[in-house]
Amino acid sequence: MAELSMWLDGYNDIYSDFDARALPRRRISEDFMHELEAAYRRREEHTDCLTLQIPAGARIEADEKLITARLNSHFTLEYELSLALLKQKTNKNILFFCSSLLIMATNILISARESTPGNISSLRILLEPAGWFFFWNSLEYFIYERQSDLHKKTFWYKLAGWKILFRSY
């Protein structure tokens, strides 16, 4: 079992400084998440355990159970949100791609007709750039951006399955 270990000064390092709610409802600190993600990306081996090192005098086991539950629910929620966002963006860009093909096919049909009225022929001026716009935007997502979204989804999926432990230092 490979673990990722982080040293903390206290439990408050996990939570946002601006959130005064009780432990089970407090917002996870963006700094903590940024450091966790950076440490995860630097790891070369598979990790399935997060060990949070806290000074021996500052540990409270009852709080650790609440924090573990809060982190697990946060990781699971972020995974579900990233999965939903990935599906939404993918579906939107599939729709963009299909729309681009439909628009370009319509444009070709208008061009192919020899006896088209002037106002329909001028519609080509709008259809051609619109078709290419939808086409290239959808391809940009699938070629460049989707990979980043997949990495985020995978990151949250792995974190949601991690065991969280506390140790003294």
N, C-alpha and C. Protein backbone atom coordinates (compact mmCIF):
# COMPACT_ATOMS: atom_id res chain seq x y z
N MET A 1 0.85 -1.17 0.00
CA MET A 1 0.00 0.00 0.00
C MET A 1 0.90 1.24 0.00
N ALA A 2 0.98 1.93 -1.12
CA ALA A 2 1.76 3.16 -1.22
C ALA A 2 0.93 4.31 -0.66
N GLU A 3 1.60 5.18 0.05
CA GLU A 3 0.86 6.29 0.66
C GLU A 3 1.45 7.63 0.25
N LEU A 4 0.61 8.61 0.31
CA LEU A 4 1.01 9.99 0.10
C LEU A 4 0.92 10.66 1.46
N SER A 5 2.02 11.23 1.92
CA SER A 5 2.06 11.79 3.25
C SER A 5 2.20 13.31 3.18
N MET A 6 1.43 13.99 4.02
CA MET A 6 1.50 15.46 4.09
C MET A 6 1.64 15.88 5.55
N TRP A 7 2.53 16.83 5.79
CA TRP A 7 2.74 17.38 7.12
C TRP A 7 1.85 18.60 7.29
N LEU A 8 1.12 18.63 8.39
CA LEU A 8 0.24 19.76 8.68
C LEU A 8 0.55 20.30 10.07
N ASP A 9 0.36 21.59 10.26
CA ASP A 9 0.54 22.20 11.58
C ASP A 9 -0.65 21.90 12.49
N GLY A 10 -1.79 21.66 11.87
CA GLY A 10 -3.01 21.37 12.63
C GLY A 10 -4.15 21.09 11.67
N TYR A 11 -5.29 20.79 12.22
CA TYR A 11 -6.45 20.46 11.39
C TYR A 11 -6.93 21.64 10.55
N ASN A 12 -6.68 22.85 11.02
CA ASN A 12 -7.13 24.03 10.28
C ASN A 12 -6.43 24.19 8.94
N ASP A 13 -5.29 23.53 8.74
CA ASP A 13 -4.61 23.59 7.44
C ASP A 13 -5.44 22.93 6.35
N ILE A 14 -6.34 22.05 6.73
CA ILE A 14 -7.18 21.34 5.77
C ILE A 14 -8.34 22.21 5.31
N TYR A 15 -8.78 23.11 6.16
CA TYR A 15 -9.99 23.88 5.90
C TYR A 15 -9.71 25.32 5.51
N SER A 16 -10.68 25.92 4.87
CA SER A 16 -10.60 27.32 4.48
C SER A 16 -10.61 28.20 5.74
N ASP A 17 -9.76 29.22 5.72
CA ASP A 17 -9.68 30.14 6.86
C ASP A 17 -10.95 30.97 7.02
N PHE A 18 -11.73 31.09 5.97
CA PHE A 18 -12.90 31.96 5.97
C PHE A 18 -14.19 31.25 6.35
N ASP A 19 -14.12 29.96 6.59
CA ASP A 19 -15.31 29.18 6.90
C ASP A 19 -15.31 28.84 8.39
N ALA A 20 -16.27 29.37 9.12
CA ALA A 20 -16.32 29.17 10.58
C ALA A 20 -17.31 28.07 10.99
N ARG A 21 -17.83 27.34 10.03
CA ARG A 21 -18.81 26.29 10.36
C ARG A 21 -18.13 25.12 11.09
N ALA A 22 -18.94 24.19 11.57
CA ALA A 22 -18.43 23.01 12.27
C ALA A 22 -17.66 22.11 11.30
N LEU A 23 -16.79 21.26 11.84
CA LEU A 23 -15.92 20.42 11.01
C LEU A 23 -16.63 19.63 9.91
N PRO A 24 -17.77 18.99 10.19
CA PRO A 24 -18.39 18.19 9.13
C PRO A 24 -18.90 19.01 7.94
N ARG A 25 -19.01 20.34 8.11
CA ARG A 25 -19.58 21.16 7.04
C ARG A 25 -18.59 22.18 6.48
N ARG A 26 -17.42 22.29 7.07
CA ARG A 26 -16.46 23.30 6.63
C ARG A 26 -15.95 23.02 5.22
N ARG A 27 -15.62 24.10 4.55
CA ARG A 27 -15.12 24.03 3.17
C ARG A 27 -13.64 23.65 3.19
N ILE A 28 -13.25 22.74 2.29
CA ILE A 28 -11.86 22.32 2.19
C ILE A 28 -11.05 23.45 1.56
N SER A 29 -9.87 23.69 2.10
CA SER A 29 -9.01 24.78 1.64
C SER A 29 -8.49 24.52 0.23
N GLU A 30 -8.52 25.56 -0.60
CA GLU A 30 -7.98 25.44 -1.95
C GLU A 30 -6.47 25.22 -1.91
N ASP A 31 -5.79 25.81 -0.93
CA ASP A 31 -4.35 25.60 -0.78
C ASP A 31 -4.04 24.13 -0.47
N PHE A 32 -4.83 23.55 0.42
CA PHE A 32 -4.66 22.14 0.75
C PHE A 32 -4.86 21.27 -0.48
N MET A 33 -5.93 21.54 -1.23
CA MET A 33 -6.21 20.75 -2.43
C MET A 33 -5.13 20.94 -3.49
N HIS A 34 -4.63 22.16 -3.62
CA HIS A 34 -3.56 22.43 -4.59
C HIS A 34 -2.30 21.65 -4.23
N GLU A 35 -1.93 21.66 -2.97
CA GLU A 35 -0.74 20.93 -2.52
C GLU A 35 -0.94 19.42 -2.65
N LEU A 36 -2.14 18.96 -2.36
CA LEU A 36 -2.44 17.53 -2.49
C LEU A 36 -2.33 17.10 -3.95
N GLU A 37 -2.89 17.90 -4.86
CA GLU A 37 -2.82 17.57 -6.28
C GLU A 37 -1.38 17.61 -6.78
N ALA A 38 -0.61 18.61 -6.34
CA ALA A 38 0.79 18.70 -6.76
C ALA A 38 1.59 17.50 -6.26
N ALA A 39 1.37 17.10 -5.01
CA ALA A 39 2.06 15.94 -4.46
C ALA A 39 1.65 14.66 -5.20
N TYR A 40 0.38 14.55 -5.53
CA TYR A 40 -0.12 13.39 -6.27
C TYR A 40 0.52 13.31 -7.66
N ARG A 41 0.63 14.42 -8.35
CA ARG A 41 1.19 14.44 -9.71
C ARG A 41 2.68 14.10 -9.71
N ARG A 42 3.38 14.45 -8.61
CA ARG A 42 4.82 14.16 -8.53
C ARG A 42 5.10 12.69 -8.24
N ARG A 43 4.12 11.97 -7.74
CA ARG A 43 4.31 10.56 -7.39
C ARG A 43 4.46 9.72 -8.65
N GLU A 44 5.38 8.78 -8.60
CA GLU A 44 5.57 7.88 -9.73
C GLU A 44 4.85 6.56 -9.52
N GLU A 45 4.60 6.21 -8.26
CA GLU A 45 3.96 4.94 -7.97
C GLU A 45 2.47 5.14 -7.67
N HIS A 46 1.74 4.05 -7.76
CA HIS A 46 0.31 4.06 -7.46
C HIS A 46 0.11 4.38 -5.97
N THR A 47 -0.78 5.28 -5.69
CA THR A 47 -1.06 5.69 -4.32
C THR A 47 -2.51 5.36 -3.98
N ASP A 48 -2.72 4.80 -2.80
CA ASP A 48 -4.09 4.49 -2.39
C ASP A 48 -4.37 4.88 -0.94
N CYS A 49 -3.47 5.68 -0.37
CA CYS A 49 -3.63 6.07 1.02
C CYS A 49 -3.08 7.49 1.22
N LEU A 50 -3.84 8.31 1.90
CA LEU A 50 -3.41 9.67 2.25
C LEU A 50 -3.14 9.69 3.75
N THR A 51 -1.90 10.00 4.12
CA THR A 51 -1.53 10.09 5.52
C THR A 51 -1.29 11.55 5.87
N LEU A 52 -2.04 12.04 6.82
CA LEU A 52 -1.91 13.42 7.27
C LEU A 52 -1.17 13.40 8.61
N GLN A 53 0.00 14.02 8.63
CA GLN A 53 0.84 14.04 9.82
C GLN A 53 0.55 15.31 10.61
N ILE A 54 0.15 15.11 11.87
CA ILE A 54 -0.26 16.20 12.76
C ILE A 54 0.63 16.13 14.01
N PRO A 55 0.99 17.28 14.61
CA PRO A 55 1.75 17.23 15.87
C PRO A 55 1.00 16.41 16.92
N ALA A 56 1.76 15.62 17.68
CA ALA A 56 1.16 14.70 18.65
C ALA A 56 0.23 15.41 19.64
N GLY A 57 0.60 16.58 20.09
CA GLY A 57 -0.22 17.29 21.07
C GLY A 57 -1.48 17.91 20.51
N ALA A 58 -1.57 18.00 19.20
CA ALA A 58 -2.73 18.65 18.57
C ALA A 58 -3.78 17.66 18.08
N ARG A 59 -3.49 16.37 18.20
CA ARG A 59 -4.42 15.37 17.65
C ARG A 59 -5.62 15.15 18.55
N ILE A 60 -6.80 15.06 17.90
CA ILE A 60 -8.06 14.74 18.59
C ILE A 60 -8.75 13.69 17.72
N GLU A 61 -8.83 12.46 18.23
CA GLU A 61 -9.34 11.35 17.43
C GLU A 61 -10.78 11.55 16.97
N ALA A 62 -11.61 12.15 17.79
CA ALA A 62 -13.01 12.38 17.41
C ALA A 62 -13.07 13.32 16.21
N ASP A 63 -12.23 14.35 16.21
CA ASP A 63 -12.18 15.28 15.08
C ASP A 63 -11.65 14.60 13.82
N GLU A 64 -10.71 13.68 14.01
CA GLU A 64 -10.12 12.98 12.86
C GLU A 64 -11.17 12.15 12.11
N LYS A 65 -12.08 11.56 12.85
CA LYS A 65 -13.16 10.79 12.20
C LYS A 65 -14.06 11.71 11.39
N LEU A 66 -14.37 12.88 11.95
CA LEU A 66 -15.20 13.86 11.22
C LEU A 66 -14.47 14.38 9.99
N ILE A 67 -13.18 14.65 10.14
CA ILE A 67 -12.38 15.17 9.02
C ILE A 67 -12.27 14.12 7.92
N THR A 68 -12.04 12.87 8.31
CA THR A 68 -11.96 11.79 7.32
C THR A 68 -13.27 11.68 6.54
N ALA A 69 -14.38 11.71 7.24
CA ALA A 69 -15.69 11.64 6.57
C ALA A 69 -15.89 12.85 5.66
N ARG A 70 -15.49 14.03 6.13
CA ARG A 70 -15.64 15.25 5.32
C ARG A 70 -14.78 15.20 4.07
N LEU A 71 -13.53 14.75 4.20
CA LEU A 71 -12.65 14.64 3.03
C LEU A 71 -13.19 13.61 2.04
N ASN A 72 -13.63 12.47 2.55
CA ASN A 72 -14.19 11.44 1.66
C ASN A 72 -15.41 11.97 0.91
N SER A 73 -16.30 12.67 1.61
CA SER A 73 -17.49 13.20 0.94
C SER A 73 -17.11 14.29 -0.06
N HIS A 74 -16.10 15.10 0.28
CA HIS A 74 -15.63 16.15 -0.65
C HIS A 74 -15.05 15.52 -1.92
N PHE A 75 -14.20 14.51 -1.75
CA PHE A 75 -13.59 13.86 -2.91
C PHE A 75 -14.65 13.19 -3.79
N THR A 76 -15.62 12.55 -3.16
CA THR A 76 -16.69 11.89 -3.91
C THR A 76 -17.54 12.91 -4.65
N LEU A 77 -17.88 14.01 -3.99
CA LEU A 77 -18.68 15.06 -4.62
C LEU A 77 -17.92 15.67 -5.80
N GLU A 78 -16.64 15.96 -5.62
CA GLU A 78 -15.84 16.53 -6.71
C GLU A 78 -15.75 15.56 -7.88
N TYR A 79 -15.64 14.26 -7.59
CA TYR A 79 -15.63 13.27 -8.67
C TYR A 79 -16.95 13.30 -9.43
N GLU A 80 -18.05 13.30 -8.71
CA GLU A 80 -19.36 13.31 -9.35
C GLU A 80 -19.56 14.58 -10.18
N LEU A 81 -19.10 15.72 -9.66
CA LEU A 81 -19.20 16.98 -10.41
C LEU A 81 -18.32 16.96 -11.66
N SER A 82 -17.10 16.45 -11.53
CA SER A 82 -16.21 16.40 -12.70
C SER A 82 -16.74 15.43 -13.75
N LEU A 83 -17.34 14.33 -13.31
CA LEU A 83 -17.93 13.38 -14.25
C LEU A 83 -19.11 14.00 -14.98
N ALA A 84 -19.97 14.70 -14.24
CA ALA A 84 -21.13 15.36 -14.85
C ALA A 84 -20.68 16.44 -15.83
N LEU A 85 -19.65 17.22 -15.45
CA LEU A 85 -19.13 18.26 -16.34
C LEU A 85 -18.51 17.66 -17.59
N LEU A 86 -17.79 16.56 -17.43
CA LEU A 86 -17.20 15.88 -18.59
C LEU A 86 -18.28 15.40 -19.55
N LYS A 87 -19.33 14.79 -19.02
CA LYS A 87 -20.44 14.33 -19.86
C LYS A 87 -21.13 15.50 -20.55
N GLN A 88 -21.35 16.58 -19.80
CA GLN A 88 -22.03 17.75 -20.36
C GLN A 88 -21.20 18.36 -21.49
N LYS A 89 -19.91 18.55 -21.26
CA LYS A 89 -19.05 19.14 -22.30
C LYS A 89 -18.93 18.22 -23.51
N THR A 90 -18.82 16.92 -23.27
CA THR A 90 -18.72 15.97 -24.38
C THR A 90 -19.99 15.99 -25.21
N ASN A 91 -21.14 15.94 -24.56
CA ASN A 91 -22.41 15.97 -25.29
C ASN A 91 -22.58 17.27 -26.06
N LYS A 92 -22.21 18.39 -25.44
CA LYS A 92 -22.31 19.69 -26.11
C LYS A 92 -21.44 19.72 -27.36
N ASN A 93 -20.23 19.18 -27.26
CA ASN A 93 -19.33 19.22 -28.40
C ASN A 93 -19.68 18.20 -29.47
N ILE A 94 -20.31 17.11 -29.10
CA ILE A 94 -20.85 16.19 -30.11
C ILE A 94 -21.97 16.90 -30.87
N LEU A 95 -22.82 17.62 -30.13
CA LEU A 95 -23.89 18.40 -30.76
C LEU A 95 -23.31 19.47 -31.68
N PHE A 96 -22.25 20.15 -31.23
CA PHE A 96 -21.57 21.15 -32.08
C PHE A 96 -21.06 20.51 -33.36
N PHE A 97 -20.43 19.34 -33.22
CA PHE A 97 -19.87 18.67 -34.39
C PHE A 97 -20.97 18.28 -35.38
N CYS A 98 -22.03 17.67 -34.86
CA CYS A 98 -23.15 17.27 -35.74
C CYS A 98 -23.80 18.50 -36.37
N SER A 99 -23.94 19.57 -35.60
CA SER A 99 -24.51 20.81 -36.14
C SER A 99 -23.63 21.36 -37.25
N SER A 100 -22.33 21.29 -37.06
CA SER A 100 -21.42 21.80 -38.10
C SER A 100 -21.58 21.02 -39.39
N LEU A 101 -21.71 19.70 -39.28
CA LEU A 101 -21.90 18.88 -40.48
C LEU A 101 -23.22 19.21 -41.17
N LEU A 102 -24.27 19.39 -40.38
CA LEU A 102 -25.58 19.73 -40.92
C LEU A 102 -25.55 21.10 -41.59
N ILE A 103 -24.93 22.07 -40.95
CA ILE A 103 -24.84 23.42 -41.51
C ILE A 103 -24.04 23.41 -42.81
N MET A 104 -22.91 22.70 -42.81
CA MET A 104 -22.09 22.66 -44.03
C MET A 104 -22.79 21.90 -45.15
N ALA A 105 -23.54 20.85 -44.80
CA ALA A 105 -24.30 20.13 -45.83
C ALA A 105 -25.38 21.03 -46.42
N THR A 106 -26.05 21.80 -45.58
CA THR A 106 -27.05 22.76 -46.06
C THR A 106 -26.41 23.79 -46.98
N ASN A 107 -25.25 24.24 -46.61
CA ASN A 107 -24.52 25.21 -47.41
C ASN A 107 -24.15 24.62 -48.78
N ILE A 108 -23.75 23.37 -48.79
CA ILE A 108 -23.41 22.71 -50.06
C ILE A 108 -24.64 22.57 -50.93
N LEU A 109 -25.78 22.21 -50.32
CA LEU A 109 -27.02 22.07 -51.09
C LEU A 109 -27.44 23.41 -51.71
N ILE A 110 -27.30 24.48 -50.95
CA ILE A 110 -27.64 25.81 -51.48
C ILE A 110 -26.71 26.17 -52.63
N SER A 111 -25.43 25.84 -52.48
CA SER A 111 -24.44 26.15 -53.52
C SER A 111 -24.70 25.34 -54.79
N ALA A 112 -25.14 24.10 -54.62
CA ALA A 112 -25.31 23.21 -55.76
C ALA A 112 -26.51 23.57 -56.62
N ARG A 113 -27.50 24.19 -56.03
CA ARG A 113 -28.69 24.57 -56.81
C ARG A 113 -28.35 25.75 -57.70
N GLU A 114 -28.66 25.59 -58.96
CA GLU A 114 -28.33 26.65 -59.92
C GLU A 114 -29.31 27.82 -59.83
N SER A 115 -30.55 27.53 -59.64
CA SER A 115 -31.55 28.60 -59.64
C SER A 115 -32.01 28.90 -58.22
N THR A 116 -31.14 29.52 -57.45
CA THR A 116 -31.52 29.90 -56.09
C THR A 116 -31.77 31.39 -56.04
N PRO A 117 -32.85 31.80 -55.37
CA PRO A 117 -33.10 33.23 -55.22
C PRO A 117 -31.95 33.90 -54.46
N GLY A 118 -31.78 35.18 -54.69
CA GLY A 118 -30.67 35.93 -54.09
C GLY A 118 -30.65 35.90 -52.58
N ASN A 119 -31.83 35.97 -51.94
CA ASN A 119 -31.84 36.01 -50.48
C ASN A 119 -31.42 34.67 -49.87
N ILE A 120 -31.75 33.56 -50.51
CA ILE A 120 -31.31 32.25 -50.02
C ILE A 120 -29.83 32.06 -50.31
N SER A 121 -29.40 32.55 -51.46
CA SER A 121 -27.99 32.46 -51.81
C SER A 121 -27.13 33.27 -50.82
N SER A 122 -27.66 34.40 -50.36
CA SER A 122 -26.90 35.20 -49.40
C SER A 122 -26.85 34.53 -48.02
N LEU A 123 -27.71 33.55 -47.79
CA LEU A 123 -27.69 32.79 -46.55
C LEU A 123 -26.37 32.02 -46.40
N ARG A 124 -25.76 31.73 -47.53
CA ARG A 124 -24.46 31.04 -47.52
C ARG A 124 -23.41 31.85 -46.76
N ILE A 125 -23.54 33.17 -46.80
CA ILE A 125 -22.58 34.04 -46.11
C ILE A 125 -22.61 33.77 -44.61
N LEU A 126 -23.77 33.43 -44.07
CA LEU A 126 -23.89 33.11 -42.65
C LEU A 126 -23.57 31.64 -42.35
N LEU A 127 -23.99 30.75 -43.24
CA LEU A 127 -23.84 29.33 -42.98
C LEU A 127 -22.39 28.85 -43.00
N GLU A 128 -21.62 29.34 -43.93
CA GLU A 128 -20.25 28.83 -44.06
C GLU A 128 -19.41 29.10 -42.82
N PRO A 129 -19.31 30.35 -42.34
CA PRO A 129 -18.51 30.55 -41.12
C PRO A 129 -19.11 29.85 -39.89
N ALA A 130 -20.44 29.78 -39.83
CA ALA A 130 -21.06 29.10 -38.68
C ALA A 130 -20.70 27.62 -38.67
N GLY A 131 -20.74 26.99 -39.82
CA GLY A 131 -20.38 25.58 -39.92
C GLY A 131 -18.95 25.32 -39.49
N TRP A 132 -18.04 26.16 -40.02
CA TRP A 132 -16.64 25.99 -39.65
C TRP A 132 -16.41 26.32 -38.17
N PHE A 133 -17.10 27.29 -37.64
CA PHE A 133 -16.96 27.65 -36.22
C PHE A 133 -17.32 26.45 -35.33
N PHE A 134 -18.48 25.87 -35.56
CA PHE A 134 -18.90 24.72 -34.76
C PHE A 134 -17.96 23.54 -34.96
N PHE A 135 -17.51 23.33 -36.18
CA PHE A 135 -16.61 22.22 -36.49
C PHE A 135 -15.30 22.35 -35.71
N TRP A 136 -14.64 23.51 -35.82
CA TRP A 136 -13.33 23.67 -35.18
C TRP A 136 -13.44 23.76 -33.66
N ASN A 137 -14.50 24.35 -33.15
CA ASN A 137 -14.66 24.40 -31.69
C ASN A 137 -14.86 23.01 -31.10
N SER A 138 -15.63 22.19 -31.77
CA SER A 138 -15.82 20.82 -31.26
C SER A 138 -14.53 20.02 -31.36
N LEU A 139 -13.80 20.17 -32.45
CA LEU A 139 -12.53 19.45 -32.58
C LEU A 139 -11.51 19.94 -31.55
N GLU A 140 -11.50 21.24 -31.29
CA GLU A 140 -10.57 21.78 -30.28
C GLU A 140 -10.81 21.13 -28.93
N TYR A 141 -12.07 20.96 -28.58
CA TYR A 141 -12.38 20.31 -27.31
C TYR A 141 -11.87 18.87 -27.30
N PHE A 142 -12.18 18.11 -28.34
CA PHE A 142 -11.81 16.70 -28.34
C PHE A 142 -10.30 16.49 -28.46
N ILE A 143 -9.61 17.39 -29.12
CA ILE A 143 -8.16 17.22 -29.30
C ILE A 143 -7.38 17.74 -28.09
N TYR A 144 -7.77 18.89 -27.54
CA TYR A 144 -6.97 19.53 -26.49
C TYR A 144 -7.59 19.50 -25.11
N GLU A 145 -8.80 19.95 -24.96
CA GLU A 145 -9.39 20.19 -23.64
C GLU A 145 -9.90 18.94 -22.95
N ARG A 146 -10.40 17.98 -23.68
CA ARG A 146 -11.01 16.80 -23.07
C ARG A 146 -10.00 16.01 -22.23
N GLN A 147 -8.75 15.99 -22.69
CA GLN A 147 -7.72 15.27 -21.95
C GLN A 147 -7.56 15.84 -20.54
N SER A 148 -7.60 17.15 -20.43
CA SER A 148 -7.49 17.81 -19.12
C SER A 148 -8.69 17.44 -18.24
N ASP A 149 -9.88 17.44 -18.83
CA ASP A 149 -11.08 17.07 -18.08
C ASP A 149 -11.02 15.61 -17.62
N LEU A 150 -10.47 14.73 -18.47
CA LEU A 150 -10.32 13.32 -18.09
C LEU A 150 -9.33 13.17 -16.94
N HIS A 151 -8.24 13.95 -16.96
CA HIS A 151 -7.27 13.90 -15.86
C HIS A 151 -7.91 14.34 -14.55
N LYS A 152 -8.73 15.39 -14.60
CA LYS A 152 -9.40 15.86 -13.38
C LYS A 152 -10.36 14.80 -12.84
N LYS A 153 -11.11 14.19 -13.75
CA LYS A 153 -12.06 13.16 -13.33
C LYS A 153 -11.31 11.98 -12.70
N THR A 154 -10.22 11.56 -13.32
CA THR A 154 -9.43 10.45 -12.79
C THR A 154 -8.83 10.79 -11.43
N PHE A 155 -8.33 12.02 -11.30
CA PHE A 155 -7.76 12.47 -10.03
C PHE A 155 -8.79 12.36 -8.91
N TRP A 156 -9.98 12.90 -9.13
CA TRP A 156 -11.01 12.87 -8.08
C TRP A 156 -11.49 11.44 -7.83
N TYR A 157 -11.56 10.62 -8.88
CA TYR A 157 -11.98 9.23 -8.72
C TYR A 157 -11.00 8.48 -7.80
N LYS A 158 -9.71 8.70 -8.05
CA LYS A 158 -8.70 8.02 -7.23
C LYS A 158 -8.75 8.51 -5.78
N LEU A 159 -8.87 9.83 -5.60
CA LEU A 159 -8.92 10.37 -4.24
C LEU A 159 -10.15 9.86 -3.49
N ALA A 160 -11.26 9.71 -4.18
CA ALA A 160 -12.49 9.23 -3.52
C ALA A 160 -12.31 7.81 -2.98
N GLY A 161 -11.39 7.04 -3.56
CA GLY A 161 -11.17 5.68 -3.11
C GLY A 161 -10.02 5.53 -2.12
N TRP A 162 -9.34 6.61 -1.81
CA TRP A 162 -8.20 6.54 -0.89
C TRP A 162 -8.64 6.34 0.55
N LYS A 163 -7.79 5.65 1.28
CA LYS A 163 -7.94 5.54 2.73
C LYS A 163 -7.23 6.75 3.33
N ILE A 164 -7.82 7.37 4.33
CA ILE A 164 -7.23 8.56 4.96
C ILE A 164 -6.84 8.21 6.40
N LEU A 165 -5.57 8.42 6.70
CA LEU A 165 -5.04 8.11 8.02
C LEU A 165 -4.41 9.36 8.64
N PHE A 166 -4.37 9.39 9.96
CA PHE A 166 -3.68 10.46 10.69
C PHE A 166 -2.56 9.82 11.50
N ARG A 167 -1.42 10.50 11.51
CA ARG A 167 -0.27 10.04 12.30
C ARG A 167 0.32 11.23 13.05
N SER A 168 0.99 10.93 14.12
CA SER A 168 1.66 11.97 14.90
C SER A 168 3.09 12.14 14.41
N TYR A 169 3.59 13.36 14.58
CA TYR A 169 5.03 13.58 14.34
C TYR A 169 5.62 14.35 15.50
